[in-house]
Amino acid sequence: MSCTVEERKRVRRAARAIQEEVATESVDVLAPSASQYNAWTLDAVLRDAEGVPPEVLRELALAGLTLQPTPSQAEYQHVAATV
């Protein structure tokens, strides 16, 4: 398997795990060509969260993803992480 396939799988696994762990408004996996970071990207909007919950940080760490700085909006927390 190529590096790109493995990276995509890691991001998708983390996206599924986050959807199971916390209340989300949306969770997307973006290909490098569609991401502002030019890398496989997990893009999530969490409901009723102040900051990034420990459960989300754990899943990102297990997948080896890097948390990117993003602003929160009202009752939503935006999370972006890249391979």
N, C-alpha and C. Protein backbone atom coordinates (compact mmCIF):
# COMPACT_ATOMS: atom_id res chain seq x y z
N MET A 1 0.84 -1.18 0.00
CA MET A 1 0.00 0.00 0.00
C MET A 1 0.88 1.24 0.00
N SER A 2 0.41 2.24 -0.68
CA SER A 2 1.20 3.48 -0.75
C SER A 2 1.01 4.30 0.51
N CYS A 3 1.91 5.22 0.69
CA CYS A 3 1.86 6.12 1.84
C CYS A 3 0.56 6.91 1.85
N THR A 4 0.12 7.34 0.68
CA THR A 4 -1.11 8.13 0.57
C THR A 4 -2.32 7.33 1.03
N VAL A 5 -2.38 6.06 0.65
CA VAL A 5 -3.51 5.21 1.05
C VAL A 5 -3.51 5.04 2.56
N GLU A 6 -2.35 4.79 3.15
CA GLU A 6 -2.26 4.64 4.60
C GLU A 6 -2.67 5.93 5.32
N GLU A 7 -2.23 7.06 4.81
CA GLU A 7 -2.59 8.35 5.43
C GLU A 7 -4.10 8.56 5.37
N ARG A 8 -4.70 8.27 4.22
CA ARG A 8 -6.15 8.42 4.08
C ARG A 8 -6.88 7.52 5.07
N LYS A 9 -6.43 6.28 5.21
CA LYS A 9 -7.06 5.35 6.15
C LYS A 9 -6.95 5.85 7.59
N ARG A 10 -5.79 6.39 7.96
CA ARG A 10 -5.62 6.91 9.32
C ARG A 10 -6.58 8.05 9.60
N VAL A 11 -6.73 8.95 8.64
CA VAL A 11 -7.63 10.09 8.82
C VAL A 11 -9.08 9.61 8.90
N ARG A 12 -9.46 8.67 8.06
CA ARG A 12 -10.83 8.15 8.08
C ARG A 12 -11.14 7.42 9.38
N ARG A 13 -10.19 6.64 9.89
CA ARG A 13 -10.40 5.95 11.17
C ARG A 13 -10.60 6.96 12.30
N ALA A 14 -9.78 7.99 12.31
CA ALA A 14 -9.92 9.03 13.34
C ALA A 14 -11.26 9.74 13.21
N ALA A 15 -11.70 10.01 11.99
CA ALA A 15 -12.99 10.68 11.78
C ALA A 15 -14.13 9.83 12.33
N ARG A 16 -14.11 8.53 12.04
CA ARG A 16 -15.16 7.63 12.56
C ARG A 16 -15.15 7.60 14.08
N ALA A 17 -13.97 7.50 14.65
CA ALA A 17 -13.85 7.42 16.11
C ALA A 17 -14.36 8.70 16.77
N ILE A 18 -14.06 9.84 16.19
CA ILE A 18 -14.52 11.11 16.76
C ILE A 18 -16.04 11.20 16.70
N GLN A 19 -16.63 10.76 15.59
CA GLN A 19 -18.09 10.78 15.47
C GLN A 19 -18.74 9.90 16.54
N GLU A 20 -18.08 8.81 16.93
CA GLU A 20 -18.61 7.91 17.95
C GLU A 20 -18.39 8.44 19.36
N GLU A 21 -17.37 9.26 19.56
CA GLU A 21 -16.99 9.72 20.90
C GLU A 21 -17.70 10.99 21.37
N VAL A 22 -17.91 11.95 20.47
CA VAL A 22 -18.45 13.25 20.88
C VAL A 22 -19.56 13.69 19.93
N ALA A 23 -20.36 14.66 20.39
CA ALA A 23 -21.44 15.21 19.55
C ALA A 23 -20.82 16.07 18.46
N THR A 24 -21.13 15.73 17.21
CA THR A 24 -20.56 16.47 16.09
C THR A 24 -21.66 17.05 15.21
N GLU A 25 -21.37 18.17 14.63
CA GLU A 25 -22.24 18.77 13.62
C GLU A 25 -21.86 18.21 12.25
N SER A 26 -20.56 18.08 12.02
CA SER A 26 -20.07 17.48 10.78
C SER A 26 -18.64 16.99 10.98
N VAL A 27 -18.27 15.97 10.22
CA VAL A 27 -16.90 15.47 10.19
C VAL A 27 -16.60 15.11 8.74
N ASP A 28 -15.56 15.71 8.20
CA ASP A 28 -15.19 15.48 6.81
C ASP A 28 -13.72 15.07 6.71
N VAL A 29 -13.43 14.27 5.70
CA VAL A 29 -12.06 13.93 5.36
C VAL A 29 -11.77 14.59 4.02
N LEU A 30 -10.74 15.44 4.01
CA LEU A 30 -10.40 16.18 2.79
C LEU A 30 -9.09 15.66 2.20
N ALA A 31 -9.12 15.45 0.89
CA ALA A 31 -7.90 15.06 0.17
C ALA A 31 -6.94 16.24 0.14
N PRO A 32 -5.66 15.98 -0.04
CA PRO A 32 -4.70 17.09 -0.09
C PRO A 32 -5.06 18.17 -1.12
N SER A 33 -5.62 17.77 -2.24
CA SER A 33 -5.98 18.75 -3.27
C SER A 33 -7.13 19.65 -2.85
N ALA A 34 -7.94 19.21 -1.87
CA ALA A 34 -9.08 20.00 -1.42
C ALA A 34 -8.82 20.71 -0.09
N SER A 35 -7.67 20.45 0.50
CA SER A 35 -7.35 20.99 1.82
C SER A 35 -6.44 22.21 1.73
N GLN A 36 -6.69 23.19 2.57
CA GLN A 36 -5.82 24.36 2.61
C GLN A 36 -4.43 24.01 3.15
N TYR A 37 -4.30 22.85 3.78
CA TYR A 37 -3.03 22.43 4.35
C TYR A 37 -2.21 21.56 3.38
N ASN A 38 -2.78 21.24 2.22
CA ASN A 38 -2.10 20.42 1.22
C ASN A 38 -1.69 19.05 1.78
N ALA A 39 -2.57 18.48 2.62
CA ALA A 39 -2.33 17.17 3.23
C ALA A 39 -3.70 16.55 3.52
N TRP A 40 -3.72 15.22 3.75
CA TRP A 40 -4.98 14.61 4.17
C TRP A 40 -5.41 15.30 5.45
N THR A 41 -6.67 15.73 5.49
CA THR A 41 -7.15 16.56 6.59
C THR A 41 -8.46 16.05 7.15
N LEU A 42 -8.54 16.00 8.47
CA LEU A 42 -9.79 15.74 9.17
C LEU A 42 -10.34 17.10 9.55
N ASP A 43 -11.56 17.39 9.14
CA ASP A 43 -12.20 18.67 9.43
C ASP A 43 -13.49 18.36 10.17
N ALA A 44 -13.60 18.80 11.42
CA ALA A 44 -14.77 18.47 12.23
C ALA A 44 -15.32 19.72 12.90
N VAL A 45 -16.63 19.73 13.06
CA VAL A 45 -17.31 20.77 13.83
C VAL A 45 -18.01 20.05 14.98
N LEU A 46 -17.59 20.37 16.21
CA LEU A 46 -18.12 19.73 17.40
C LEU A 46 -19.20 20.60 18.03
N ARG A 47 -20.26 19.96 18.50
CA ARG A 47 -21.35 20.68 19.17
C ARG A 47 -21.07 20.77 20.67
N ASP A 48 -21.52 21.87 21.26
CA ASP A 48 -21.48 22.04 22.71
C ASP A 48 -20.10 21.73 23.31
N ALA A 49 -19.06 22.22 22.68
CA ALA A 49 -17.71 21.97 23.17
C ALA A 49 -16.99 23.29 23.41
N GLU A 50 -16.35 23.37 24.55
CA GLU A 50 -15.49 24.52 24.84
C GLU A 50 -14.07 24.01 24.73
N GLY A 51 -13.42 24.33 23.66
CA GLY A 51 -12.10 23.78 23.40
C GLY A 51 -12.22 22.40 22.77
N VAL A 52 -11.09 21.77 22.58
CA VAL A 52 -11.06 20.44 21.98
C VAL A 52 -11.11 19.41 23.11
N PRO A 53 -12.15 18.57 23.14
CA PRO A 53 -12.28 17.59 24.22
C PRO A 53 -11.13 16.57 24.24
N PRO A 54 -10.80 16.04 25.42
CA PRO A 54 -9.73 15.06 25.54
C PRO A 54 -9.94 13.83 24.66
N GLU A 55 -11.20 13.42 24.48
CA GLU A 55 -11.49 12.25 23.63
C GLU A 55 -11.03 12.49 22.20
N VAL A 56 -11.22 13.71 21.72
CA VAL A 56 -10.82 14.06 20.35
C VAL A 56 -9.30 14.11 20.26
N LEU A 57 -8.66 14.73 21.24
CA LEU A 57 -7.20 14.79 21.25
C LEU A 57 -6.59 13.39 21.27
N ARG A 58 -7.21 12.49 22.02
CA ARG A 58 -6.73 11.11 22.09
C ARG A 58 -6.79 10.45 20.72
N GLU A 59 -7.92 10.58 20.04
CA GLU A 59 -8.07 9.95 18.72
C GLU A 59 -7.10 10.54 17.70
N LEU A 60 -6.88 11.84 17.77
CA LEU A 60 -5.92 12.48 16.87
C LEU A 60 -4.51 11.95 17.13
N ALA A 61 -4.16 11.81 18.41
CA ALA A 61 -2.84 11.30 18.77
C ALA A 61 -2.66 9.84 18.33
N LEU A 62 -3.68 9.02 18.55
CA LEU A 62 -3.60 7.61 18.15
C LEU A 62 -3.41 7.47 16.64
N ALA A 63 -4.01 8.38 15.88
CA ALA A 63 -3.90 8.33 14.42
C ALA A 63 -2.64 9.03 13.92
N GLY A 64 -1.91 9.68 14.82
CA GLY A 64 -0.70 10.38 14.41
C GLY A 64 -0.98 11.66 13.64
N LEU A 65 -2.11 12.30 13.95
CA LEU A 65 -2.48 13.53 13.25
C LEU A 65 -2.00 14.75 14.03
N THR A 66 -1.80 15.84 13.30
CA THR A 66 -1.36 17.10 13.90
C THR A 66 -2.52 18.08 13.94
N LEU A 67 -2.85 18.55 15.13
CA LEU A 67 -3.93 19.52 15.31
C LEU A 67 -3.50 20.86 14.73
N GLN A 68 -4.35 21.46 13.91
CA GLN A 68 -4.08 22.77 13.31
C GLN A 68 -4.90 23.83 14.06
N PRO A 69 -4.37 25.03 14.21
CA PRO A 69 -5.11 26.08 14.91
C PRO A 69 -6.34 26.51 14.10
N THR A 70 -7.49 26.54 14.77
CA THR A 70 -8.74 26.98 14.14
C THR A 70 -9.57 27.74 15.16
N PRO A 71 -10.32 28.74 14.72
CA PRO A 71 -11.16 29.50 15.65
C PRO A 71 -12.45 28.75 15.97
N SER A 72 -12.96 28.96 17.18
CA SER A 72 -14.27 28.39 17.53
C SER A 72 -15.33 29.43 17.21
N GLN A 73 -16.57 28.97 17.07
CA GLN A 73 -17.67 29.87 16.76
C GLN A 73 -18.85 29.54 17.66
N ALA A 74 -19.25 30.50 18.50
CA ALA A 74 -20.40 30.35 19.39
C ALA A 74 -20.32 29.02 20.13
N GLU A 75 -21.35 28.16 19.96
CA GLU A 75 -21.38 26.89 20.69
C GLU A 75 -20.68 25.76 19.93
N TYR A 76 -20.00 26.09 18.85
CA TYR A 76 -19.32 25.08 18.04
C TYR A 76 -17.81 25.23 18.14
N GLN A 77 -17.12 24.10 18.11
CA GLN A 77 -15.66 24.08 18.10
C GLN A 77 -15.22 23.46 16.79
N HIS A 78 -14.45 24.20 16.01
CA HIS A 78 -13.93 23.69 14.75
C HIS A 78 -12.59 23.01 15.02
N VAL A 79 -12.41 21.81 14.47
CA VAL A 79 -11.17 21.06 14.64
C VAL A 79 -10.64 20.69 13.26
N ALA A 80 -9.39 21.00 13.00
CA ALA A 80 -8.73 20.56 11.77
C ALA A 80 -7.43 19.87 12.18
N ALA A 81 -7.19 18.70 11.60
CA ALA A 81 -5.98 17.96 11.89
C ALA A 81 -5.46 17.33 10.61
N THR A 82 -4.15 17.29 10.48
CA THR A 82 -3.54 16.79 9.25
C THR A 82 -2.56 15.65 9.54
N VAL A 83 -2.31 14.87 8.49
CA VAL A 83 -1.32 13.79 8.59
C VAL A 83 0.05 14.42 8.44
